[in-house]
Amino acid sequence: MSKHKLNDSELQQALNNLPNWQIKEGKLYKEYKFKSFPVALGWMVSVGIYAETMGHHPEWLNVYNTVRVSLITHDIGNAISNLDVELAKKMDELA
């Protein structure tokens, strides 16, 4: 899949279709809360497998049952791309 930087209109449309996602420090950002650490970890493993197939990996931080996710595409100038939106959708689907 080819990647491209989202323009302002595309980014706004993406945010309209990604519940609870926001732009934070120039990155697509969301915080997930799970029932427990094992559930959070299992979700991260599932997302990680999908991300690897995409060749596109998240920046994330896990503390107990909370996972904070930031998505950005480094090799197009640290911009939000269509790959970030695709990965965000998959994360929501798996949550």
PDB file of N, CA and C in Angstrom:
ATOM      1  N   MET A   1       0.849  -1.182   0.000  1.00  0.00           N
ATOM      2  CA  MET A   1       0.000   0.000   0.000  1.00  0.00           C
ATOM      3  C   MET A   1       0.890   1.238   0.000  1.00  0.00           C
ATOM      4  N   SER A   2       0.582   2.149  -0.886  1.00  0.00           N
ATOM      5  CA  SER A   2       1.351   3.387  -0.910  1.00  0.00           C
ATOM      6  C   SER A   2       0.858   4.311   0.203  1.00  0.00           C
ATOM      7  N   LYS A   3       1.746   5.160   0.653  1.00  0.00           N
ATOM      8  CA  LYS A   3       1.389   6.070   1.738  1.00  0.00           C
ATOM      9  C   LYS A   3       1.435   7.500   1.236  1.00  0.00           C
ATOM     10  N   HIS A   4       0.548   8.309   1.794  1.00  0.00           N
ATOM     11  CA  HIS A   4       0.571   9.730   1.470  1.00  0.00           C
ATOM     12  C   HIS A   4       0.138  10.543   2.686  1.00  0.00           C
ATOM     13  N   LYS A   5       0.702  11.717   2.787  1.00  0.00           N
ATOM     14  CA  LYS A   5       0.362  12.654   3.849  1.00  0.00           C
ATOM     15  C   LYS A   5      -1.080  13.108   3.652  1.00  0.00           C
ATOM     16  N   LEU A   6      -1.831  13.161   4.735  1.00  0.00           N
ATOM     17  CA  LEU A   6      -3.203  13.642   4.649  1.00  0.00           C
ATOM     18  C   LEU A   6      -3.227  15.164   4.650  1.00  0.00           C
ATOM     19  N   ASN A   7      -4.045  15.742   3.776  1.00  0.00           N
ATOM     20  CA  ASN A   7      -4.230  17.186   3.823  1.00  0.00           C
ATOM     21  C   ASN A   7      -5.243  17.498   4.930  1.00  0.00           C
ATOM     22  N   ASP A   8      -5.477  18.762   5.205  1.00  0.00           N
ATOM     23  CA  ASP A   8      -6.353  19.150   6.315  1.00  0.00           C
ATOM     24  C   ASP A   8      -7.760  18.581   6.170  1.00  0.00           C
ATOM     25  N   SER A   9      -8.294  18.595   4.971  1.00  0.00           N
ATOM     26  CA  SER A   9      -9.634  18.064   4.728  1.00  0.00           C
ATOM     27  C   SER A   9      -9.697  16.551   4.971  1.00  0.00           C
ATOM     28  N   GLU A  10      -8.704  15.835   4.462  1.00  0.00           N
ATOM     29  CA  GLU A  10      -8.651  14.381   4.667  1.00  0.00           C
ATOM     30  C   GLU A  10      -8.482  14.045   6.146  1.00  0.00           C
ATOM     31  N   LEU A  11      -7.683  14.827   6.839  1.00  0.00           N
ATOM     32  CA  LEU A  11      -7.456  14.592   8.259  1.00  0.00           C
ATOM     33  C   LEU A  11      -8.741  14.823   9.053  1.00  0.00           C
ATOM     34  N   GLN A  12      -9.462  15.879   8.741  1.00  0.00           N
ATOM     35  CA  GLN A  12     -10.722  16.151   9.440  1.00  0.00           C
ATOM     36  C   GLN A  12     -11.742  15.054   9.166  1.00  0.00           C
ATOM     37  N   GLN A  13     -11.817  14.594   7.931  1.00  0.00           N
ATOM     38  CA  GLN A  13     -12.733  13.505   7.583  1.00  0.00           C
ATOM     39  C   GLN A  13     -12.358  12.232   8.355  1.00  0.00           C
ATOM     40  N   ALA A  14     -11.072  11.950   8.453  1.00  0.00           N
ATOM     41  CA  ALA A  14     -10.608  10.777   9.198  1.00  0.00           C
ATOM     42  C   ALA A  14     -11.006  10.889  10.667  1.00  0.00           C
ATOM     43  N   LEU A  15     -10.792  12.055  11.272  1.00  0.00           N
ATOM     44  CA  LEU A  15     -11.149  12.250  12.677  1.00  0.00           C
ATOM     45  C   LEU A  15     -12.644  12.083  12.903  1.00  0.00           C
ATOM     46  N   ASN A  16     -13.445  12.489  11.940  1.00  0.00           N
ATOM     47  CA  ASN A  16     -14.898  12.326  12.047  1.00  0.00           C
ATOM     48  C   ASN A  16     -15.292  10.851  12.089  1.00  0.00           C
ATOM     49  N   ASN A  17     -14.454   9.986  11.535  1.00  0.00           N
ATOM     50  CA  ASN A  17     -14.744   8.555  11.477  1.00  0.00           C
ATOM     51  C   ASN A  17     -13.936   7.734  12.477  1.00  0.00           C
ATOM     52  N   LEU A  18     -13.204   8.410  13.338  1.00  0.00           N
ATOM     53  CA  LEU A  18     -12.383   7.723  14.351  1.00  0.00           C
ATOM     54  C   LEU A  18     -12.778   8.241  15.741  1.00  0.00           C
ATOM     55  N   PRO A  19     -13.750   7.591  16.373  1.00  0.00           N
ATOM     56  CA  PRO A  19     -14.227   8.062  17.678  1.00  0.00           C
ATOM     57  C   PRO A  19     -13.112   8.149  18.717  1.00  0.00           C
ATOM     58  N   ASN A  20     -13.096   9.277  19.413  1.00  0.00           N
ATOM     59  CA  ASN A  20     -12.173   9.541  20.529  1.00  0.00           C
ATOM     60  C   ASN A  20     -10.707   9.695  20.120  1.00  0.00           C
ATOM     61  N   TRP A  21     -10.423   9.723  18.841  1.00  0.00           N
ATOM     62  CA  TRP A  21      -9.073  10.047  18.383  1.00  0.00           C
ATOM     63  C   TRP A  21      -8.960  11.561  18.277  1.00  0.00           C
ATOM     64  N   GLN A  22      -7.758  12.074  18.477  1.00  0.00           N
ATOM     65  CA  GLN A  22      -7.502  13.510  18.375  1.00  0.00           C
ATOM     66  C   GLN A  22      -6.094  13.738  17.841  1.00  0.00           C
ATOM     67  N   ILE A  23      -5.800  14.968  17.547  1.00  0.00           N
ATOM     68  CA  ILE A  23      -4.441  15.343  17.172  1.00  0.00           C
ATOM     69  C   ILE A  23      -3.778  15.891  18.427  1.00  0.00           C
ATOM     70  N   LYS A  24      -2.655  15.288  18.792  1.00  0.00           N
ATOM     71  CA  LYS A  24      -1.907  15.724  19.979  1.00  0.00           C
ATOM     72  C   LYS A  24      -0.435  15.759  19.601  1.00  0.00           C
ATOM     73  N   GLU A  25       0.158  16.925  19.727  1.00  0.00           N
ATOM     74  CA  GLU A  25       1.565  17.130  19.378  1.00  0.00           C
ATOM     75  C   GLU A  25       1.858  16.673  17.946  1.00  0.00           C
ATOM     76  N   GLY A  26       0.920  16.950  17.034  1.00  0.00           N
ATOM     77  CA  GLY A  26       1.110  16.642  15.620  1.00  0.00           C
ATOM     78  C   GLY A  26       0.930  15.183  15.250  1.00  0.00           C
ATOM     79  N   LYS A  27       0.418  14.383  16.189  1.00  0.00           N
ATOM     80  CA  LYS A  27       0.232  12.950  15.942  1.00  0.00           C
ATOM     81  C   LYS A  27      -1.220  12.569  16.197  1.00  0.00           C
ATOM     82  N   LEU A  28      -1.651  11.516  15.543  1.00  0.00           N
ATOM     83  CA  LEU A  28      -2.963  10.942  15.795  1.00  0.00           C
ATOM     84  C   LEU A  28      -2.875  10.223  17.136  1.00  0.00           C
ATOM     85  N   TYR A  29      -3.748  10.563  18.094  1.00  0.00           N
ATOM     86  CA  TYR A  29      -3.592  10.101  19.473  1.00  0.00           C
ATOM     87  C   TYR A  29      -4.899   9.557  20.036  1.00  0.00           C
ATOM     88  N   LYS A  30      -4.764   8.468  20.814  1.00  0.00           N
ATOM     89  CA  LYS A  30      -5.900   7.928  21.555  1.00  0.00           C
ATOM     90  C   LYS A  30      -5.390   7.168  22.763  1.00  0.00           C
ATOM     91  N   GLU A  31      -6.189   7.203  23.816  1.00  0.00           N
ATOM     92  CA  GLU A  31      -5.887   6.429  25.016  1.00  0.00           C
ATOM     93  C   GLU A  31      -6.939   5.334  25.159  1.00  0.00           C
ATOM     94  N   TYR A  32      -6.477   4.105  25.288  1.00  0.00           N
ATOM     95  CA  TYR A  32      -7.353   2.957  25.490  1.00  0.00           C
ATOM     96  C   TYR A  32      -7.243   2.500  26.937  1.00  0.00           C
ATOM     97  N   LYS A  33      -8.383   2.126  27.528  1.00  0.00           N
ATOM     98  CA  LYS A  33      -8.391   1.529  28.863  1.00  0.00           C
ATOM     99  C   LYS A  33      -9.046   0.155  28.754  1.00  0.00           C
ATOM    100  N   PHE A  34      -8.374  -0.834  29.326  1.00  0.00           N
ATOM    101  CA  PHE A  34      -8.847  -2.213  29.289  1.00  0.00           C
ATOM    102  C   PHE A  34      -9.167  -2.690  30.702  1.00  0.00           C
ATOM    103  N   LYS A  35      -9.779  -3.863  30.817  1.00  0.00           N
ATOM    104  CA  LYS A  35     -10.166  -4.395  32.122  1.00  0.00           C
ATOM    105  C   LYS A  35      -8.968  -4.746  32.991  1.00  0.00           C
ATOM    106  N   SER A  36      -7.866  -5.103  32.365  1.00  0.00           N
ATOM    107  CA  SER A  36      -6.699  -5.552  33.130  1.00  0.00           C
ATOM    108  C   SER A  36      -5.447  -5.451  32.265  1.00  0.00           C
ATOM    109  N   PHE A  37      -4.298  -5.660  32.902  1.00  0.00           N
ATOM    110  CA  PHE A  37      -3.043  -5.671  32.164  1.00  0.00           C
ATOM    111  C   PHE A  37      -3.004  -6.792  31.124  1.00  0.00           C
ATOM    112  N   PRO A  38      -3.405  -8.031  31.459  1.00  0.00           N
ATOM    113  CA  PRO A  38      -3.359  -9.081  30.434  1.00  0.00           C
ATOM    114  C   PRO A  38      -4.223  -8.764  29.206  1.00  0.00           C
ATOM    115  N   VAL A  39      -5.361  -8.137  29.414  1.00  0.00           N
ATOM    116  CA  VAL A  39      -6.219  -7.771  28.273  1.00  0.00           C
ATOM    117  C   VAL A  39      -5.529  -6.698  27.428  1.00  0.00           C
ATOM    118  N   ALA A  40      -4.948  -5.698  28.083  1.00  0.00           N
ATOM    119  CA  ALA A  40      -4.215  -4.650  27.354  1.00  0.00           C
ATOM    120  C   ALA A  40      -3.057  -5.248  26.566  1.00  0.00           C
ATOM    121  N   LEU A  41      -2.319  -6.133  27.198  1.00  0.00           N
ATOM    122  CA  LEU A  41      -1.169  -6.759  26.546  1.00  0.00           C
ATOM    123  C   LEU A  41      -1.607  -7.616  25.361  1.00  0.00           C
ATOM    124  N   GLY A  42      -2.685  -8.366  25.521  1.00  0.00           N
ATOM    125  CA  GLY A  42      -3.194  -9.181  24.418  1.00  0.00           C
ATOM    126  C   GLY A  42      -3.590  -8.318  23.229  1.00  0.00           C
ATOM    127  N   TRP A  43      -4.224  -7.171  23.507  1.00  0.00           N
ATOM    128  CA  TRP A  43      -4.603  -6.244  22.438  1.00  0.00           C
ATOM    129  C   TRP A  43      -3.356  -5.717  21.733  1.00  0.00           C
ATOM    130  N   MET A  44      -2.338  -5.382  22.512  1.00  0.00           N
ATOM    131  CA  MET A  44      -1.100  -4.871  21.918  1.00  0.00           C
ATOM    132  C   MET A  44      -0.452  -5.917  21.010  1.00  0.00           C
ATOM    133  N   VAL A  45      -0.474  -7.159  21.423  1.00  0.00           N
ATOM    134  CA  VAL A  45       0.097  -8.223  20.588  1.00  0.00           C
ATOM    135  C   VAL A  45      -0.697  -8.344  19.289  1.00  0.00           C
ATOM    136  N   SER A  46      -2.024  -8.325  19.383  1.00  0.00           N
ATOM    137  CA  SER A  46      -2.857  -8.414  18.172  1.00  0.00           C
ATOM    138  C   SER A  46      -2.589  -7.245  17.229  1.00  0.00           C
ATOM    139  N   VAL A  47      -2.519  -6.041  17.778  1.00  0.00           N
ATOM    140  CA  VAL A  47      -2.222  -4.856  16.968  1.00  0.00           C
ATOM    141  C   VAL A  47      -0.820  -4.968  16.378  1.00  0.00           C
ATOM    142  N   GLY A  48       0.125  -5.435  17.174  1.00  0.00           N
ATOM    143  CA  GLY A  48       1.503  -5.564  16.711  1.00  0.00           C
ATOM    144  C   GLY A  48       1.641  -6.490  15.521  1.00  0.00           C
ATOM    145  N   ILE A  49       0.905  -7.581  15.538  1.00  0.00           N
ATOM    146  CA  ILE A  49       0.936  -8.523  14.408  1.00  0.00           C
ATOM    147  C   ILE A  49       0.399  -7.845  13.154  1.00  0.00           C
ATOM    148  N   TYR A  50      -0.711  -7.125  13.285  1.00  0.00           N
ATOM    149  CA  TYR A  50      -1.282  -6.417  12.139  1.00  0.00           C
ATOM    150  C   TYR A  50      -0.329  -5.322  11.650  1.00  0.00           C
ATOM    151  N   ALA A  51       0.239  -4.562  12.590  1.00  0.00           N
ATOM    152  CA  ALA A  51       1.163  -3.479  12.229  1.00  0.00           C
ATOM    153  C   ALA A  51       2.359  -4.022  11.461  1.00  0.00           C
ATOM    154  N   GLU A  52       2.840  -5.169  11.862  1.00  0.00           N
ATOM    155  CA  GLU A  52       3.985  -5.778  11.178  1.00  0.00           C
ATOM    156  C   GLU A  52       3.633  -6.126   9.736  1.00  0.00           C
ATOM    157  N   THR A  53       2.418  -6.609   9.500  1.00  0.00           N
ATOM    158  CA  THR A  53       2.015  -6.930   8.119  1.00  0.00           C
ATOM    159  C   THR A  53       1.937  -5.665   7.268  1.00  0.00           C
ATOM    160  N   MET A  54       1.622  -4.534   7.912  1.00  0.00           N
ATOM    161  CA  MET A  54       1.571  -3.250   7.208  1.00  0.00           C
ATOM    162  C   MET A  54       2.961  -2.659   6.995  1.00  0.00           C
ATOM    163  N   GLY A  55       3.908  -3.070   7.828  1.00  0.00           N
ATOM    164  CA  GLY A  55       5.211  -2.414   7.830  1.00  0.00           C
ATOM    165  C   GLY A  55       5.116  -1.008   8.407  1.00  0.00           C
ATOM    166  N   HIS A  56       4.162  -0.827   9.333  1.00  0.00           N
ATOM    167  CA  HIS A  56       3.892   0.495   9.908  1.00  0.00           C
ATOM    168  C   HIS A  56       3.605   0.295  11.394  1.00  0.00           C
ATOM    169  N   HIS A  57       4.409   0.888  12.251  1.00  0.00           N
ATOM    170  CA  HIS A  57       4.371   0.554  13.667  1.00  0.00           C
ATOM    171  C   HIS A  57       4.003   1.753  14.528  1.00  0.00           C
ATOM    172  N   PRO A  58       3.226   1.513  15.581  1.00  0.00           N
ATOM    173  CA  PRO A  58       2.787   2.616  16.439  1.00  0.00           C
ATOM    174  C   PRO A  58       3.850   3.023  17.452  1.00  0.00           C
ATOM    175  N   GLU A  59       3.711   4.241  17.932  1.00  0.00           N
ATOM    176  CA  GLU A  59       4.395   4.674  19.145  1.00  0.00           C
ATOM    177  C   GLU A  59       3.354   4.463  20.236  1.00  0.00           C
ATOM    178  N   TRP A  60       3.702   3.713  21.273  1.00  0.00           N
ATOM    179  CA  TRP A  60       2.722   3.508  22.336  1.00  0.00           C
ATOM    180  C   TRP A  60       3.383   3.306  23.684  1.00  0.00           C
ATOM    181  N   LEU A  61       2.593   3.534  24.717  1.00  0.00           N
ATOM    182  CA  LEU A  61       3.048   3.395  26.086  1.00  0.00           C
ATOM    183  C   LEU A  61       1.979   2.627  26.844  1.00  0.00           C
ATOM    184  N   ASN A  62       2.382   1.595  27.555  1.00  0.00           N
ATOM    185  CA  ASN A  62       1.459   0.789  28.341  1.00  0.00           C
ATOM    186  C   ASN A  62       1.790   0.919  29.813  1.00  0.00           C
ATOM    187  N   VAL A  63       0.795   1.296  30.613  1.00  0.00           N
ATOM    188  CA  VAL A  63       0.894   1.282  32.061  1.00  0.00           C
ATOM    189  C   VAL A  63      -0.347   0.554  32.570  1.00  0.00           C
ATOM    190  N   TYR A  64      -0.118  -0.624  33.120  1.00  0.00           N
ATOM    191  CA  TYR A  64      -1.156  -1.513  33.624  1.00  0.00           C
ATOM    192  C   TYR A  64      -2.254  -1.718  32.572  1.00  0.00           C
ATOM    193  N   ASN A  65      -3.445  -1.145  32.781  1.00  0.00           N
ATOM    194  CA  ASN A  65      -4.550  -1.402  31.853  1.00  0.00           C
ATOM    195  C   ASN A  65      -4.754  -0.299  30.821  1.00  0.00           C
ATOM    196  N   THR A  66      -3.834   0.636  30.763  1.00  0.00           N
ATOM    197  CA  THR A  66      -3.957   1.782  29.859  1.00  0.00           C
ATOM    198  C   THR A  66      -2.874   1.718  28.788  1.00  0.00           C
ATOM    199  N   VAL A  67      -3.299   1.972  27.546  1.00  0.00           N
ATOM    200  CA  VAL A  67      -2.345   2.064  26.439  1.00  0.00           C
ATOM    201  C   VAL A  67      -2.574   3.404  25.754  1.00  0.00           C
ATOM    202  N   ARG A  68      -1.527   4.210  25.690  1.00  0.00           N
ATOM    203  CA  ARG A  68      -1.581   5.499  24.995  1.00  0.00           C
ATOM    204  C   ARG A  68      -0.881   5.333  23.655  1.00  0.00           C
ATOM    205  N   VAL A  69      -1.603   5.685  22.596  1.00  0.00           N
ATOM    206  CA  VAL A  69      -1.120   5.457  21.235  1.00  0.00           C
ATOM    207  C   VAL A  69      -0.930   6.785  20.519  1.00  0.00           C
ATOM    208  N   SER A  70       0.212   6.932  19.846  1.00  0.00           N
ATOM    209  CA  SER A  70       0.477   8.061  18.956  1.00  0.00           C
ATOM    210  C   SER A  70       0.874   7.487  17.605  1.00  0.00           C
ATOM    211  N   LEU A  71       0.231   7.969  16.559  1.00  0.00           N
ATOM    212  CA  LEU A  71       0.520   7.487  15.214  1.00  0.00           C
ATOM    213  C   LEU A  71       1.000   8.630  14.336  1.00  0.00           C
ATOM    214  N   ILE A  72       2.106   8.371  13.654  1.00  0.00           N
ATOM    215  CA  ILE A  72       2.690   9.333  12.719  1.00  0.00           C
ATOM    216  C   ILE A  72       3.563   8.547  11.748  1.00  0.00           C
ATOM    217  N   THR A  73       3.722   9.072  10.563  1.00  0.00           N
ATOM    218  CA  THR A  73       4.550   8.393   9.563  1.00  0.00           C
ATOM    219  C   THR A  73       5.856   9.165   9.433  1.00  0.00           C
ATOM    220  N   HIS A  74       6.915   8.551   9.927  1.00  0.00           N
ATOM    221  CA  HIS A  74       8.205   9.234   9.980  1.00  0.00           C
ATOM    222  C   HIS A  74       8.821   9.462   8.602  1.00  0.00           C
ATOM    223  N   ASP A  75       8.680   8.496   7.702  1.00  0.00           N
ATOM    224  CA  ASP A  75       9.400   8.604   6.424  1.00  0.00           C
ATOM    225  C   ASP A  75       8.704   9.467   5.374  1.00  0.00           C
ATOM    226  N   ILE A  76       7.646  10.174   5.770  1.00  0.00           N
ATOM    227  CA  ILE A  76       7.081  11.198   4.873  1.00  0.00           C
ATOM    228  C   ILE A  76       7.150  12.565   5.549  1.00  0.00           C
ATOM    229  N   GLY A  77       8.131  12.722   6.418  1.00  0.00           N
ATOM    230  CA  GLY A  77       8.333  14.017   7.071  1.00  0.00           C
ATOM    231  C   GLY A  77       7.592  14.175   8.383  1.00  0.00           C
ATOM    232  N   ASN A  78       7.382  13.059   9.106  1.00  0.00           N
ATOM    233  CA  ASN A  78       6.690  13.104  10.394  1.00  0.00           C
ATOM    234  C   ASN A  78       5.310  13.745  10.271  1.00  0.00           C
ATOM    235  N   ALA A  79       4.518  13.191   9.367  1.00  0.00           N
ATOM    236  CA  ALA A  79       3.169  13.675   9.115  1.00  0.00           C
ATOM    237  C   ALA A  79       2.183  12.523   9.316  1.00  0.00           C
ATOM    238  N   ILE A  80       0.927  12.860   9.492  1.00  0.00           N
ATOM    239  CA  ILE A  80      -0.123  11.841   9.600  1.00  0.00           C
ATOM    240  C   ILE A  80      -0.493  11.402   8.194  1.00  0.00           C
ATOM    241  N   SER A  81      -0.497  10.090   7.993  1.00  0.00           N
ATOM    242  CA  SER A  81      -0.745   9.536   6.658  1.00  0.00           C
ATOM    243  C   SER A  81      -1.945   8.608   6.652  1.00  0.00           C
ATOM    244  N   ASN A  82      -2.290   8.156   5.465  1.00  0.00           N
ATOM    245  CA  ASN A  82      -3.358   7.170   5.305  1.00  0.00           C
ATOM    246  C   ASN A  82      -3.047   5.884   6.065  1.00  0.00           C
ATOM    247  N   LEU A  83      -1.772   5.539   6.232  1.00  0.00           N
ATOM    248  CA  LEU A  83      -1.413   4.341   6.990  1.00  0.00           C
ATOM    249  C   LEU A  83      -1.754   4.502   8.471  1.00  0.00           C
ATOM    250  N   ASP A  84      -1.583   5.693   8.989  1.00  0.00           N
ATOM    251  CA  ASP A  84      -1.935   5.948  10.382  1.00  0.00           C
ATOM    252  C   ASP A  84      -3.439   5.776  10.595  1.00  0.00           C
ATOM    253  N   VAL A  85      -4.224   6.266   9.663  1.00  0.00           N
ATOM    254  CA  VAL A  85      -5.683   6.130   9.751  1.00  0.00           C
ATOM    255  C   VAL A  85      -6.083   4.657   9.661  1.00  0.00           C
ATOM    256  N   GLU A  86      -5.475   3.918   8.744  1.00  0.00           N
ATOM    257  CA  GLU A  86      -5.783   2.498   8.625  1.00  0.00           C
ATOM    258  C   GLU A  86      -5.450   1.756   9.916  1.00  0.00           C
ATOM    259  N   LEU A  87      -4.293   2.044  10.502  1.00  0.00           N
ATOM    260  CA  LEU A  87      -3.900   1.381  11.733  1.00  0.00           C
ATOM    261  C   LEU A  87      -4.828   1.783  12.885  1.00  0.00           C
ATOM    262  N   ALA A  88      -5.231   3.046  12.954  1.00  0.00           N
ATOM    263  CA  ALA A  88      -6.159   3.497  13.978  1.00  0.00           C
ATOM    264  C   ALA A  88      -7.489   2.750  13.875  1.00  0.00           C
ATOM    265  N   LYS A  89      -7.990   2.587  12.682  1.00  0.00           N
ATOM    266  CA  LYS A  89      -9.250   1.844  12.484  1.00  0.00           C
ATOM    267  C   LYS A  89      -9.111   0.410  12.966  1.00  0.00           C
ATOM    268  N   LYS A  90      -7.989  -0.218  12.655  1.00  0.00           N
ATOM    269  CA  LYS A  90      -7.767  -1.610  13.071  1.00  0.00           C
ATOM    270  C   LYS A  90      -7.656  -1.689  14.598  1.00  0.00           C
ATOM    271  N   MET A  91      -6.991  -0.715  15.207  1.00  0.00           N
ATOM    272  CA  MET A  91      -6.893  -0.697  16.669  1.00  0.00           C
ATOM    273  C   MET A  91      -8.271  -0.640  17.307  1.00  0.00           C
ATOM    274  N   ASP A  92      -9.130   0.236  16.789  1.00  0.00           N
ATOM    275  CA  ASP A  92     -10.487   0.334  17.316  1.00  0.00           C
ATOM    276  C   ASP A  92     -11.249  -0.971  17.115  1.00  0.00           C
ATOM    277  N   GLU A  93     -11.085  -1.578  15.971  1.00  0.00           N
ATOM    278  CA  GLU A  93     -11.755  -2.836  15.670  1.00  0.00           C
ATOM    279  C   GLU A  93     -11.332  -3.937  16.649  1.00  0.00           C
ATOM    280  N   LEU A  94     -10.060  -3.967  17.006  1.00  0.00           N
ATOM    281  CA  LEU A  94      -9.539  -5.004  17.883  1.00  0.00           C
ATOM    282  C   LEU A  94      -9.779  -4.728  19.361  1.00  0.00           C
ATOM    283  N   ALA A  95     -10.100  -3.479  19.695  1.00  0.00           N
ATOM    284  CA  ALA A  95     -10.282  -3.111  21.110  1.00  0.00           C
ATOM    285  C   ALA A  95     -11.575  -3.664  21.692  1.00  0.00           C
TER     286      ALA A  95
END
